[in-house]
Amino acid sequence: MTDYVVHGRWLHPQTSKYFIATESMKAELMSLGIAEEKLVVSGIPIREAFEQTQEREGLLRKHGLDGNRHYLLLAAGAYGVLSDINHLIIRALQQSNFDVMVLCGNNHKLQMATEELFQENPRVHIRGYTEEMQELMCISSCLLTKAGGITLTEAMALALPVIVYHPLPGQEAGNAEWLSEHNLIEIARNEEQLVEQLQRLEHLGYRDEKVQDMKNFSRKSAADAIVTEALEVIKLRQPSVSAVKSMVVEGQVKTIHGYY
């Protein structure tokens, strides 16, 4: 399960093992009748590159950036149709000292419009699709993004403070709210909150607190743990555990947290 809250569609009576992110998810699944033997708190698997420490100065030189500046990494491509991305960039530039790295992904229309607007501004650095997200995260002081479980896990593995802007209802809102309640990320529901949070993250002491909280929470090598456990299940030809009668019936899975 690649989120921090339970989604009813994941539950199935023939599932042998669930690999989950947190102990709270384990407790919730057990309350729904899932046997404890089926539940492994592994953390969310991410690519190994996000669990490796890289030397920031070398990365700054590689990407042509100034080591004396602090960078807000804006995953703009993830927002797709949001029309206010450029306005958010302007507010960030006007009301914080962050430079902005804008990742447009495969949204070529967004990239062209953003390049046209900010082509003369040395504080705005625009990228399209990248295979070097982990490097750009290492360079940055803050990430502004959606609340996808994988992206948030990658950021925590690199101890990169996160602001989630306008989380969508459903799993994204669930991820954002759970992590925010545990002081791991910030949620901005409007531009004023976003500006306030950026200004707080400019202070090294506050940023260091977030970094330490993320380091304490992050669970390394989740992918290795999942593969090892899965291979062991296959090796033993382990049957589905039935010690606790499951409430999960195919085609009749309960809706959880209001998700469909």
Foldseek 3Di string as FASTA:
>chain_A
DLFQADFLVVDEQQQQADEHADPVNLVVQVVQFADSNRYHNLHHDDDVLLLDDDDQVVLCVVVVHDLVAAEEEEAQLQVPPDPCPLVLQVLCVVQARHQYEYENEQVVVVQVVNCVVCVPPPSYHYHYHDPPVSSVLLNHQEYEEFQGSHVLLSNLSSLREYEYEQHDPDRRVVRQVVCVVLVQYHYDDDSVSVSVVNRQSVDPVSSVVNSVSSPVSHRPPSVVVVVVVVVVCVVVVDGRDPPTPGPDHVPDGDGDPPHD
